[in-house]
Structures are given as C-alpha cells and as structure tokens.
PDB file of N, CA and C in Angstrom:
ATOM      1  N   MET A   1      -5.208  16.785  45.104  1.00  0.00           N
ATOM      2  CA  MET A   1      -4.304  17.646  45.438  1.00  0.00           C
ATOM      3  C   MET A   1      -2.658  17.602  44.862  1.00  0.00           C
ATOM      4  N   ASN A   2      -2.087  18.576  44.173  1.00  0.00           N
ATOM      5  CA  ASN A   2      -0.921  18.451  44.070  1.00  0.00           C
ATOM      6  C   ASN A   2      -0.058  18.688  44.972  1.00  0.00           C
ATOM      7  N   ASN A   3       1.228  18.615  44.960  1.00  0.00           N
ATOM      8  CA  ASN A   3       2.295  18.521  45.955  1.00  0.00           C
ATOM      9  C   ASN A   3       2.452  20.206  46.444  1.00  0.00           C
ATOM     10  N   SER A   4       2.068  21.121  45.423  1.00  0.00           N
ATOM     11  CA  SER A   4       2.142  22.742  45.992  1.00  0.00           C
ATOM     12  C   SER A   4       0.929  23.050  46.460  1.00  0.00           C
ATOM     13  N   GLU A   5      -0.074  22.060  46.816  1.00  0.00           N
ATOM     14  CA  GLU A   5      -1.194  22.477  47.928  1.00  0.00           C
ATOM     15  C   GLU A   5      -1.120  21.760  48.880  1.00  0.00           C
ATOM     16  N   THR A   6      -1.680  22.571  50.071  1.00  0.00           N
ATOM     17  CA  THR A   6      -1.550  21.871  51.261  1.00  0.00           C
ATOM     18  C   THR A   6      -2.736  22.108  52.193  1.00  0.00           C
ATOM     19  N   ALA A   7      -3.444  21.190  52.769  1.00  0.00           N
ATOM     20  CA  ALA A   7      -4.527  21.328  53.696  1.00  0.00           C
ATOM     21  C   ALA A   7      -3.969  22.125  54.837  1.00  0.00           C
ATOM     22  N   LYS A   8      -4.703  23.308  55.163  1.00  0.00           N
ATOM     23  CA  LYS A   8      -4.725  23.920  56.429  1.00  0.00           C
ATOM     24  C   LYS A   8      -5.546  23.470  57.550  1.00  0.00           C
ATOM     25  N   GLY A   9      -5.147  23.679  58.693  1.00  0.00           N
ATOM     26  CA  GLY A   9      -5.794  23.143  59.896  1.00  0.00           C
ATOM     27  C   GLY A   9      -5.163  23.961  61.044  1.00  0.00           C
ATOM     28  N   THR A  10      -5.402  23.588  62.235  1.00  0.00           N
ATOM     29  CA  THR A  10      -4.886  24.150  63.419  1.00  0.00           C
ATOM     30  C   THR A  10      -4.172  22.901  64.528  1.00  0.00           C
ATOM     31  N   VAL A  11      -3.276  23.342  65.324  1.00  0.00           N
ATOM     32  CA  VAL A  11      -2.771  22.382  65.973  1.00  0.00           C
ATOM     33  C   VAL A  11      -2.854  23.116  67.303  1.00  0.00           C
ATOM     34  N   THR A  12      -3.644  22.152  68.362  1.00  0.00           N
ATOM     35  CA  THR A  12      -3.745  22.888  69.692  1.00  0.00           C
ATOM     36  C   THR A  12      -2.623  21.854  70.411  1.00  0.00           C
ATOM     37  N   VAL A  13      -2.079  22.663  71.593  1.00  0.00           N
ATOM     38  CA  VAL A  13      -1.073  22.040  72.410  1.00  0.00           C
ATOM     39  C   VAL A  13      -1.951  22.226  73.871  1.00  0.00           C
ATOM     40  N   SER A  14      -1.955  21.285  74.432  1.00  0.00           N
ATOM     41  CA  SER A  14      -2.413  21.311  75.904  1.00  0.00           C
ATOM     42  C   SER A  14      -1.488  21.713  76.772  1.00  0.00           C
ATOM     43  N   LEU A  15      -2.195  22.416  77.815  1.00  0.00           N
ATOM     44  CA  LEU A  15      -1.159  23.286  78.611  1.00  0.00           C
ATOM     45  C   LEU A  15      -0.624  22.234  79.767  1.00  0.00           C
ATOM     46  N   ARG A  16      -1.106  21.139  79.733  1.00  0.00           N
ATOM     47  CA  ARG A  16      -0.461  19.725  80.374  1.00  0.00           C
ATOM     48  C   ARG A  16       0.917  19.606  79.608  1.00  0.00           C
ATOM     49  N   ALA A  17       0.921  19.584  78.274  1.00  0.00           N
ATOM     50  CA  ALA A  17       2.159  19.083  77.735  1.00  0.00           C
ATOM     51  C   ALA A  17       2.959  20.327  77.726  1.00  0.00           C
ATOM     52  N   ALA A  18       2.691  21.608  77.756  1.00  0.00           N
ATOM     53  CA  ALA A  18       3.299  22.698  78.001  1.00  0.00           C
ATOM     54  C   ALA A  18       4.103  22.391  79.564  1.00  0.00           C
ATOM     55  N   ALA A  19       3.580  22.325  80.649  1.00  0.00           N
ATOM     56  CA  ALA A  19       3.858  22.081  81.791  1.00  0.00           C
ATOM     57  C   ALA A  19       4.856  20.772  81.846  1.00  0.00           C
ATOM     58  N   GLN A  20       4.797  19.834  81.202  1.00  0.00           N
ATOM     59  CA  GLN A  20       5.350  18.856  81.491  1.00  0.00           C
ATOM     60  C   GLN A  20       6.853  19.098  80.886  1.00  0.00           C
ATOM     61  N   MET A  21       7.024  19.939  79.546  1.00  0.00           N
ATOM     62  CA  MET A  21       7.902  20.187  78.837  1.00  0.00           C
ATOM     63  C   MET A  21       8.787  21.202  79.728  1.00  0.00           C
ATOM     64  N   ALA A  22       8.189  22.190  80.480  1.00  0.00           N
ATOM     65  CA  ALA A  22       8.955  22.964  81.035  1.00  0.00           C
ATOM     66  C   ALA A  22       9.586  22.235  82.397  1.00  0.00           C
ATOM     67  N   GLU A  23       8.808  21.634  83.122  1.00  0.00           N
ATOM     68  CA  GLU A  23       9.397  20.599  84.043  1.00  0.00           C
ATOM     69  C   GLU A  23      10.537  19.753  83.856  1.00  0.00           C
ATOM     70  N   TYR A  24      10.642  19.252  82.559  1.00  0.00           N
ATOM     71  CA  TYR A  24      11.456  18.415  82.018  1.00  0.00           C
ATOM     72  C   TYR A  24      12.794  19.183  81.822  1.00  0.00           C
ATOM     73  N   ILE A  25      12.550  20.587  81.293  1.00  0.00           N
ATOM     74  CA  ILE A  25      13.492  21.410  80.904  1.00  0.00           C
ATOM     75  C   ILE A  25      14.177  21.899  82.051  1.00  0.00           C
ATOM     76  N   ALA A  26      13.432  22.209  83.190  1.00  0.00           N
ATOM     77  CA  ALA A  26      14.030  22.477  84.307  1.00  0.00           C
ATOM     78  C   ALA A  26      14.967  21.390  85.609  1.00  0.00           C
ATOM     79  N   LYS A  27      14.270  20.294  85.168  1.00  0.00           N
ATOM     80  CA  LYS A  27      14.961  18.964  86.131  1.00  0.00           C
ATOM     81  C   LYS A  27      16.334  18.688  85.493  1.00  0.00           C
ATOM     82  N   THR A  28      16.292  19.149  84.147  1.00  0.00           N
ATOM     83  CA  THR A  28      17.534  18.285  83.355  1.00  0.00           C
ATOM     84  C   THR A  28      18.750  19.510  83.434  1.00  0.00           C
ATOM     85  N   GLN A  29      18.705  20.623  83.882  1.00  0.00           N
ATOM     86  CA  GLN A  29      19.234  21.718  83.968  1.00  0.00           C
ATOM     87  C   GLN A  29      20.483  21.362  85.044  1.00  0.00           C
ATOM     88  N   ASP A  30      21.706  21.638  84.735  1.00  0.00           N
ATOM     89  CA  ASP A  30      23.010  21.224  85.675  1.00  0.00           C
ATOM     90  C   ASP A  30      22.529  22.281  86.889  1.00  0.00           C
ATOM     91  N   GLY A  31      22.905  21.797  88.147  1.00  0.00           N
ATOM     92  CA  GLY A  31      22.455  22.446  89.259  1.00  0.00           C
ATOM     93  C   GLY A  31      21.323  22.471  89.946  1.00  0.00           C
ATOM     94  N   VAL A  32      20.148  21.966  89.232  1.00  0.00           N
ATOM     95  CA  VAL A  32      18.965  21.726  89.790  1.00  0.00           C
ATOM     96  C   VAL A  32      18.967  20.640  90.646  1.00  0.00           C
ATOM     97  N   ALA A  33      18.370  20.609  91.840  1.00  0.00           N
ATOM     98  CA  ALA A  33      18.338  19.476  92.850  1.00  0.00           C
ATOM     99  C   ALA A  33      16.923  18.845  92.584  1.00  0.00           C
ATOM    100  N   GLY A  34      16.020  19.640  92.369  1.00  0.00           N
ATOM    101  CA  GLY A  34      14.324  19.375  92.286  1.00  0.00           C
ATOM    102  C   GLY A  34      13.644  20.616  92.000  1.00  0.00           C
ATOM    103  N   ILE A  35      12.099  20.180  91.942  1.00  0.00           N
ATOM    104  CA  ILE A  35      11.416  21.122  91.465  1.00  0.00           C
ATOM    105  C   ILE A  35      10.299  21.293  92.621  1.00  0.00           C
ATOM    106  N   SER A  36      10.113  22.291  93.080  1.00  0.00           N
ATOM    107  CA  SER A  36       9.170  22.402  94.063  1.00  0.00           C
ATOM    108  C   SER A  36       7.688  22.511  93.709  1.00  0.00           C
ATOM    109  N   SER A  37       6.792  22.067  94.329  1.00  0.00           N
ATOM    110  CA  SER A  37       5.354  22.147  94.267  1.00  0.00           C
ATOM    111  C   SER A  37       4.689  23.074  95.109  1.00  0.00           C
ATOM    112  N   LYS A  38       5.351  24.021  95.965  1.00  0.00           N
ATOM    113  CA  LYS A  38       4.872  25.199  96.793  1.00  0.00           C
ATOM    114  C   LYS A  38       3.758  25.780  96.110  1.00  0.00           C
ATOM    115  N   ARG A  39       3.966  25.824  94.689  1.00  0.00           N
ATOM    116  CA  ARG A  39       3.110  27.078  94.007  1.00  0.00           C
ATOM    117  C   ARG A  39       1.721  26.308  93.784  1.00  0.00           C
ATOM    118  N   ARG A  40       1.339  25.140  94.099  1.00  0.00           N
ATOM    119  CA  ARG A  40       0.463  24.532  93.527  1.00  0.00           C
ATOM    120  C   ARG A  40      -1.149  24.960  93.791  1.00  0.00           C
ATOM    121  N   GLN A  41      -1.138  26.003  94.645  1.00  0.00           N
ATOM    122  CA  GLN A  41      -2.308  26.729  95.184  1.00  0.00           C
ATOM    123  C   GLN A  41      -2.809  27.675  94.211  1.00  0.00           C
ATOM    124  N   ARG A  42      -1.762  27.828  93.001  1.00  0.00           N
ATOM    125  CA  ARG A  42      -2.263  29.362  92.211  1.00  0.00           C
ATOM    126  C   ARG A  42      -2.108  28.623  90.668  1.00  0.00           C
ATOM    127  N   SER A  43      -1.759  27.303  90.550  1.00  0.00           N
ATOM    128  CA  SER A  43      -1.581  26.504  89.284  1.00  0.00           C
ATOM    129  C   SER A  43      -3.025  25.839  88.654  1.00  0.00           C
ATOM    130  N   PHE A  44      -3.840  27.012  88.300  1.00  0.00           N
ATOM    131  CA  PHE A  44      -4.775  26.696  87.549  1.00  0.00           C
ATOM    132  C   PHE A  44      -5.195  27.751  86.266  1.00  0.00           C
ATOM    133  N   LEU A  45      -5.426  27.239  85.293  1.00  0.00           N
ATOM    134  CA  LEU A  45      -5.780  28.023  83.896  1.00  0.00           C
ATOM    135  C   LEU A  45      -6.496  27.293  82.900  1.00  0.00           C
ATOM    136  N   ASN A  46      -7.487  27.658  82.758  1.00  0.00           N
ATOM    137  CA  ASN A  46      -8.394  26.850  81.601  1.00  0.00           C
ATOM    138  C   ASN A  46      -8.725  25.293  81.972  1.00  0.00           C
ATOM    139  N   GLY A  47      -8.826  25.110  83.102  1.00  0.00           N
ATOM    140  CA  GLY A  47      -9.170  23.789  83.423  1.00  0.00           C
ATOM    141  C   GLY A  47      -8.080  22.898  83.872  1.00  0.00           C
ATOM    142  N   TYR A  48      -7.045  23.459  83.762  1.00  0.00           N
ATOM    143  CA  TYR A  48      -5.653  22.433  83.764  1.00  0.00           C
ATOM    144  C   TYR A  48      -5.194  22.932  85.292  1.00  0.00           C
ATOM    145  N   LYS A  49      -4.647  21.850  85.914  1.00  0.00           N
ATOM    146  CA  LYS A  49      -4.111  22.241  87.215  1.00  0.00           C
ATOM    147  C   LYS A  49      -2.860  21.336  87.416  1.00  0.00           C
ATOM    148  N   ASN A  50      -1.719  21.862  87.668  1.00  0.00           N
ATOM    149  CA  ASN A  50      -0.288  21.487  87.736  1.00  0.00           C
ATOM    150  C   ASN A  50       0.396  21.631  88.833  1.00  0.00           C
ATOM    151  N   ARG A  51       0.847  20.844  89.513  1.00  0.00           N
ATOM    152  CA  ARG A  51       1.537  20.906  90.820  1.00  0.00           C
ATOM    153  C   ARG A  51       2.799  21.862  91.061  1.00  0.00           C
ATOM    154  N   SER A  52       3.403  22.027  90.072  1.00  0.00           N
ATOM    155  CA  SER A  52       4.944  22.891  89.984  1.00  0.00           C
ATOM    156  C   SER A  52       4.978  23.882  88.969  1.00  0.00           C
ATOM    157  N   VAL A  53       4.200  24.002  87.953  1.00  0.00           N
ATOM    158  CA  VAL A  53       4.167  25.023  86.746  1.00  0.00           C
ATOM    159  C   VAL A  53       3.169  25.923  86.923  1.00  0.00           C
ATOM    160  N   HIS A  54       2.933  27.089  86.742  1.00  0.00           N
ATOM    161  CA  HIS A  54       1.682  28.033  86.737  1.00  0.00           C
ATOM    162  C   HIS A  54       1.757  29.033  85.608  1.00  0.00           C
ATOM    163  N   PHE A  55       0.760  28.786  85.031  1.00  0.00           N
ATOM    164  CA  PHE A  55       0.679  29.717  83.590  1.00  0.00           C
ATOM    165  C   PHE A  55      -0.404  30.937  83.984  1.00  0.00           C
ATOM    166  N   THR A  56      -0.028  32.092  83.478  1.00  0.00           N
ATOM    167  CA  THR A  56      -0.808  32.975  83.422  1.00  0.00           C
ATOM    168  C   THR A  56      -1.036  33.935  82.199  1.00  0.00           C
ATOM    169  N   LYS A  57      -2.206  33.986  81.660  1.00  0.00           N
ATOM    170  CA  LYS A  57      -2.461  34.527  80.467  1.00  0.00           C
ATOM    171  C   LYS A  57      -2.271  35.971  80.277  1.00  0.00           C
ATOM    172  N   THR A  58      -1.594  36.564  79.309  1.00  0.00           N
ATOM    173  CA  THR A  58      -1.584  38.148  79.265  1.00  0.00           C
ATOM    174  C   THR A  58      -1.888  38.179  77.867  1.00  0.00           C
ATOM    175  N   ASP A  59      -1.727  39.885  77.573  1.00  0.00           N
ATOM    176  CA  ASP A  59      -1.948  40.286  76.062  1.00  0.00           C
ATOM    177  C   ASP A  59      -0.701  39.777  75.177  1.00  0.00           C
ATOM    178  N   SER A  60       0.325  39.702  75.569  1.00  0.00           N
ATOM    179  CA  SER A  60       1.688  39.571  74.782  1.00  0.00           C
ATOM    180  C   SER A  60       1.974  37.920  74.947  1.00  0.00           C
ATOM    181  N   GLY A  61       0.931  37.368  75.644  1.00  0.00           N
ATOM    182  CA  GLY A  61       1.632  35.750  75.543  1.00  0.00           C
ATOM    183  C   GLY A  61       1.421  35.080  77.365  1.00  0.00           C
ATOM    184  N   LEU A  62       1.821  33.727  77.352  1.00  0.00           N
ATOM    185  CA  LEU A  62       1.831  33.209  78.910  1.00  0.00           C
ATOM    186  C   LEU A  62       2.957  33.861  79.486  1.00  0.00           C
ATOM    187  N   VAL A  63       2.476  33.964  80.896  1.00  0.00           N
ATOM    188  CA  VAL A  63       3.815  33.853  81.829  1.00  0.00           C
ATOM    189  C   VAL A  63       3.974  32.668  82.487  1.00  0.00           C
ATOM    190  N   VAL A  64       5.141  32.316  82.667  1.00  0.00           N
ATOM    191  CA  VAL A  64       5.384  30.684  83.180  1.00  0.00           C
ATOM    192  C   VAL A  64       6.055  30.864  84.483  1.00  0.00           C
ATOM    193  N   GLU A  65       5.701  30.522  85.324  1.00  0.00           N
ATOM    194  CA  GLU A  65       6.262  30.354  86.662  1.00  0.00           C
ATOM    195  C   GLU A  65       6.479  29.154  87.343  1.00  0.00           C
ATOM    196  N   LEU A  66       7.685  28.894  87.771  1.00  0.00           N
ATOM    197  CA  LEU A  66       8.226  27.531  88.453  1.00  0.00           C
ATOM    198  C   LEU A  66       9.181  27.811  89.491  1.00  0.00           C
ATOM    199  N   SER A  67       9.097  26.568  90.575  1.00  0.00           N
ATOM    200  CA  SER A  67      10.133  26.994  91.828  1.00  0.00           C
ATOM    201  C   SER A  67      11.005  25.715  91.524  1.00  0.00           C
ATOM    202  N   ILE A  68      12.425  26.165  92.113  1.00  0.00           N
ATOM    203  CA  ILE A  68      13.005  25.181  91.813  1.00  0.00           C
ATOM    204  C   ILE A  68      14.116  24.974  93.129  1.00  0.00           C
ATOM    205  N   TYR A  69      14.743  23.932  93.346  1.00  0.00           N
ATOM    206  CA  TYR A  69      15.545  23.742  94.552  1.00  0.00           C
ATOM    207  C   TYR A  69      16.938  23.848  93.747  1.00  0.00           C
ATOM    208  N   THR A  70      18.179  24.418  94.274  1.00  0.00           N
ATOM    209  CA  THR A  70      19.331  24.228  93.814  1.00  0.00           C
ATOM    210  C   THR A  70      20.090  23.435  94.572  1.00  0.00           C
ATOM    211  N   VAL A  71      21.235  23.133  93.783  1.00  0.00           N
ATOM    212  CA  VAL A  71      22.442  22.495  94.559  1.00  0.00           C
ATOM    213  C   VAL A  71      23.332  23.641  95.074  1.00  0.00           C
ATOM    214  N   TYR A  72      23.777  22.752  96.572  1.00  0.00           N
ATOM    215  CA  TYR A  72      24.821  24.078  96.950  1.00  0.00           C
ATOM    216  C   TYR A  72      25.907  24.088  96.140  1.00  0.00           C
ATOM    217  N   GLY A  73      26.381  25.336  96.024  1.00  0.00           N
ATOM    218  CA  GLY A  73      27.580  25.884  95.390  1.00  0.00           C
ATOM    219  C   GLY A  73      27.292  25.998  93.987  1.00  0.00           C
ATOM    220  N   ALA A  74      26.036  26.064  93.455  1.00  0.00           N
ATOM    221  CA  ALA A  74      25.823  26.260  92.052  1.00  0.00           C
ATOM    222  C   ALA A  74      25.618  27.609  91.819  1.00  0.00           C
ATOM    223  N   ASN A  75      25.752  28.226  90.449  1.00  0.00           N
ATOM    224  CA  ASN A  75      25.777  29.736  90.093  1.00  0.00           C
ATOM    225  C   ASN A  75      23.971  29.457  89.946  1.00  0.00           C
ATOM    226  N   VAL A  76      23.203  30.191  90.807  1.00  0.00           N
ATOM    227  CA  VAL A  76      21.932  30.287  90.765  1.00  0.00           C
ATOM    228  C   VAL A  76      21.664  31.450  89.457  1.00  0.00           C
ATOM    229  N   ASN A  77      22.165  32.314  89.365  1.00  0.00           N
ATOM    230  CA  ASN A  77      21.827  33.204  87.994  1.00  0.00           C
ATOM    231  C   ASN A  77      21.998  32.737  86.935  1.00  0.00           C
ATOM    232  N   ARG A  78      22.813  31.859  86.691  1.00  0.00           N
ATOM    233  CA  ARG A  78      23.086  31.082  85.386  1.00  0.00           C
ATOM    234  C   ARG A  78      21.871  29.906  85.207  1.00  0.00           C
ATOM    235  N   ILE A  79      21.598  29.254  86.508  1.00  0.00           N
ATOM    236  CA  ILE A  79      20.730  28.338  86.181  1.00  0.00           C
ATOM    237  C   ILE A  79      19.514  28.923  85.922  1.00  0.00           C
ATOM    238  N   CYS A  80      18.842  29.676  86.480  1.00  0.00           N
ATOM    239  CA  CYS A  80      17.591  30.428  86.293  1.00  0.00           C
ATOM    240  C   CYS A  80      17.578  31.224  84.988  1.00  0.00           C
ATOM    241  N   SER A  81      18.903  31.702  84.399  1.00  0.00           N
ATOM    242  CA  SER A  81      18.574  32.328  83.226  1.00  0.00           C
ATOM    243  C   SER A  81      18.537  31.195  82.033  1.00  0.00           C
ATOM    244  N   GLY A  82      19.435  30.185  82.324  1.00  0.00           N
ATOM    245  CA  GLY A  82      19.313  28.884  81.395  1.00  0.00           C
ATOM    246  C   GLY A  82      17.932  28.408  81.535  1.00  0.00           C
ATOM    247  N   ILE A  83      17.396  28.060  82.348  1.00  0.00           N
ATOM    248  CA  ILE A  83      15.950  27.336  82.428  1.00  0.00           C
ATOM    249  C   ILE A  83      15.170  28.566  81.875  1.00  0.00           C
ATOM    250  N   SER A  84      15.130  29.604  82.321  1.00  0.00           N
ATOM    251  CA  SER A  84      13.908  30.823  81.395  1.00  0.00           C
ATOM    252  C   SER A  84      14.163  30.670  79.851  1.00  0.00           C
ATOM    253  N   GLU A  85      15.615  30.722  79.517  1.00  0.00           N
ATOM    254  CA  GLU A  85      15.905  30.945  77.882  1.00  0.00           C
ATOM    255  C   GLU A  85      15.009  29.627  77.283  1.00  0.00           C
ATOM    256  N   LYS A  86      15.528  28.454  77.853  1.00  0.00           N
ATOM    257  CA  LYS A  86      15.134  27.224  77.105  1.00  0.00           C
ATOM    258  C   LYS A  86      13.920  27.134  77.288  1.00  0.00           C
ATOM    259  N   ILE A  87      13.053  27.333  78.186  1.00  0.00           N
ATOM    260  CA  ILE A  87      11.654  26.781  78.310  1.00  0.00           C
ATOM    261  C   ILE A  87      10.833  28.081  77.468  1.00  0.00           C
ATOM    262  N   LYS A  88      11.270  29.420  77.221  1.00  0.00           N
ATOM    263  CA  LYS A  88      10.838  30.274  76.499  1.00  0.00           C
ATOM    264  C   LYS A  88      10.802  29.718  75.024  1.00  0.00           C
ATOM    265  N   ASN A  89      12.409  29.365  74.651  1.00  0.00           N
ATOM    266  CA  ASN A  89      12.519  29.051  73.367  1.00  0.00           C
ATOM    267  C   ASN A  89      11.691  27.667  72.819  1.00  0.00           C
ATOM    268  N   GLU A  90      11.873  26.852  73.809  1.00  0.00           N
ATOM    269  CA  GLU A  90      10.929  25.456  73.319  1.00  0.00           C
ATOM    270  C   GLU A  90       9.670  25.646  73.123  1.00  0.00           C
ATOM    271  N   LEU A  91       8.940  26.467  74.132  1.00  0.00           N
ATOM    272  CA  LEU A  91       7.577  26.580  74.079  1.00  0.00           C
ATOM    273  C   LEU A  91       7.224  27.249  72.781  1.00  0.00           C
ATOM    274  N   GLU A  92       7.750  28.276  72.414  1.00  0.00           N
ATOM    275  CA  GLU A  92       7.508  28.944  71.197  1.00  0.00           C
ATOM    276  C   GLU A  92       8.067  28.493  69.934  1.00  0.00           C
ATOM    277  N   SER A  93       9.165  27.864  70.127  1.00  0.00           N
ATOM    278  CA  SER A  93       9.472  27.256  68.525  1.00  0.00           C
ATOM    279  C   SER A  93       8.897  25.619  68.229  1.00  0.00           C
ATOM    280  N   ASN A  94       8.829  25.032  69.365  1.00  0.00           N
ATOM    281  CA  ASN A  94       8.044  23.867  68.949  1.00  0.00           C
ATOM    282  C   ASN A  94       6.876  23.363  69.575  1.00  0.00           C
ATOM    283  N   MET A  95       6.130  24.166  69.950  1.00  0.00           N
ATOM    284  CA  MET A  95       4.672  24.247  70.341  1.00  0.00           C
ATOM    285  C   MET A  95       3.827  25.340  70.019  1.00  0.00           C
ATOM    286  N   GLY A  96       4.649  26.496  69.477  1.00  0.00           N
ATOM    287  CA  GLY A  96       3.936  27.754  69.243  1.00  0.00           C
ATOM    288  C   GLY A  96       3.093  28.380  70.226  1.00  0.00           C
ATOM    289  N   ILE A  97       3.449  28.286  71.069  1.00  0.00           N
ATOM    290  CA  ILE A  97       2.883  29.028  72.406  1.00  0.00           C
ATOM    291  C   ILE A  97       3.559  30.182  72.732  1.00  0.00           C
ATOM    292  N   PRO A  98       2.965  31.446  72.327  1.00  0.00           N
ATOM    293  CA  PRO A  98       3.683  32.728  72.825  1.00  0.00           C
ATOM    294  C   PRO A  98       3.784  32.870  74.130  1.00  0.00           C
ATOM    295  N   VAL A  99       5.290  33.373  74.616  1.00  0.00           N
ATOM    296  CA  VAL A  99       5.649  33.204  75.953  1.00  0.00           C
ATOM    297  C   VAL A  99       6.221  34.895  76.163  1.00  0.00           C
ATOM    298  N   SER A 100       5.423  35.354  76.928  1.00  0.00           N
ATOM    299  CA  SER A 100       5.890  36.862  77.372  1.00  0.00           C
ATOM    300  C   SER A 100       6.921  36.759  78.431  1.00  0.00           C
ATOM    301  N   LYS A 101       7.108  35.996  79.461  1.00  0.00           N
ATOM    302  CA  LYS A 101       8.000  35.901  80.503  1.00  0.00           C
ATOM    303  C   LYS A 101       8.258  34.604  81.148  1.00  0.00           C
ATOM    304  N   VAL A 102       9.258  34.010  81.628  1.00  0.00           N
ATOM    305  CA  VAL A 102       9.459  33.273  82.323  1.00  0.00           C
ATOM    306  C   VAL A 102       9.875  33.316  83.896  1.00  0.00           C
ATOM    307  N   LYS A 103       9.235  33.134  84.840  1.00  0.00           N
ATOM    308  CA  LYS A 103      10.072  33.396  86.324  1.00  0.00           C
ATOM    309  C   LYS A 103      10.110  32.161  87.073  1.00  0.00           C
ATOM    310  N   VAL A 104      11.681  31.962  87.299  1.00  0.00           N
ATOM    311  CA  VAL A 104      11.928  30.844  87.807  1.00  0.00           C
ATOM    312  C   VAL A 104      12.433  31.495  89.663  1.00  0.00           C
ATOM    313  N   PHE A 105      11.902  30.693  90.382  1.00  0.00           N
ATOM    314  CA  PHE A 105      11.861  30.981  91.983  1.00  0.00           C
ATOM    315  C   PHE A 105      13.023  29.812  92.434  1.00  0.00           C
ATOM    316  N   VAL A 106      13.771  30.502  93.529  1.00  0.00           N
ATOM    317  CA  VAL A 106      14.482  29.177  93.987  1.00  0.00           C
ATOM    318  C   VAL A 106      13.865  29.252  95.383  1.00  0.00           C
ATOM    319  N   GLU A 107      13.497  28.185  95.595  1.00  0.00           N
ATOM    320  CA  GLU A 107      12.889  27.849  97.003  1.00  0.00           C
ATOM    321  C   GLU A 107      13.878  27.377  98.263  1.00  0.00           C
ATOM    322  N   GLY A 108      14.808  26.854  97.431  1.00  0.00           N
ATOM    323  CA  GLY A 108      15.993  26.727  98.786  1.00  0.00           C
ATOM    324  C   GLY A 108      17.268  25.988  98.015  1.00  0.00           C
ATOM    325  N   ILE A 109      17.909  25.187  99.023  1.00  0.00           N
ATOM    326  CA  ILE A 109      19.359  24.671  98.386  1.00  0.00           C
ATOM    327  C   ILE A 109      19.278  23.210  99.236  1.00  0.00           C
ATOM    328  N   ARG A 110      19.475  22.312  98.110  1.00  0.00           N
ATOM    329  CA  ARG A 110      19.445  20.675  98.663  1.00  0.00           C
ATOM    330  C   ARG A 110      20.995  20.501  98.290  1.00  0.00           C
ATOM    331  N   ASN A 111      21.585  19.464  99.004  1.00  0.00           N
ATOM    332  CA  ASN A 111      22.739  18.645  98.931  1.00  0.00           C
ATOM    333  C   ASN A 111      22.580  17.577  97.685  1.00  0.00           C
TER     334      ASN A 111
END
C-alpha cells in the first residue's frame, strides 16, 4: 500500500465511554457541585446501564439526559447551557456520535 491508499474500517465507541465523557464534562463545569444519580431507573440502552447519564435513541441521534446539583449563587442557565453545548460538541466531534439534544436537569443546590 502506498501513502495515498488507506485502509477503511469502522470505529465503535461504547456508551459507557460516552457516559463517562458526559459525566466528566458536567463535573468540571464551574458551578456544578455534583452529579445526581436520581435518574438511574431509566438509564438503560443497548445493554449498558449508567447511574447518572441516560441515553435515548431517536432518528436524528441520541438524546442525552443528566441531572446535576449546582452551587448556591451560580448562574444556572449559564451552567446548563455550557454543559449541554460541551457534551454535544465532544460526543459529535471526538466520538462521532450524533446527538440531537442534551437535557440537563438541576436536582438541587448544595454548598
């Protein structure tokens, strides 16, 4: 094979890796006090269960749902928008996973 030829194949990213990335992004956002595991009962897709991130398949891509706790006095709109945008960008650009929507729920406020 010369330099102009490339082997073609597929890359598969597990939902576990996608969930870990989403959790990491949310945890490192300023103003987030923690990740909630309240939604764990619905967190099942293709044999993978996660305690805090929920995926739903749609025709246009995955819907990602996660719940957080914020710090008192933080701008909740800015935090949720930032998390949503970063998760969507990272999953699509770095992992090649199409994301149709990211839903961030605020479960409460912690100090």
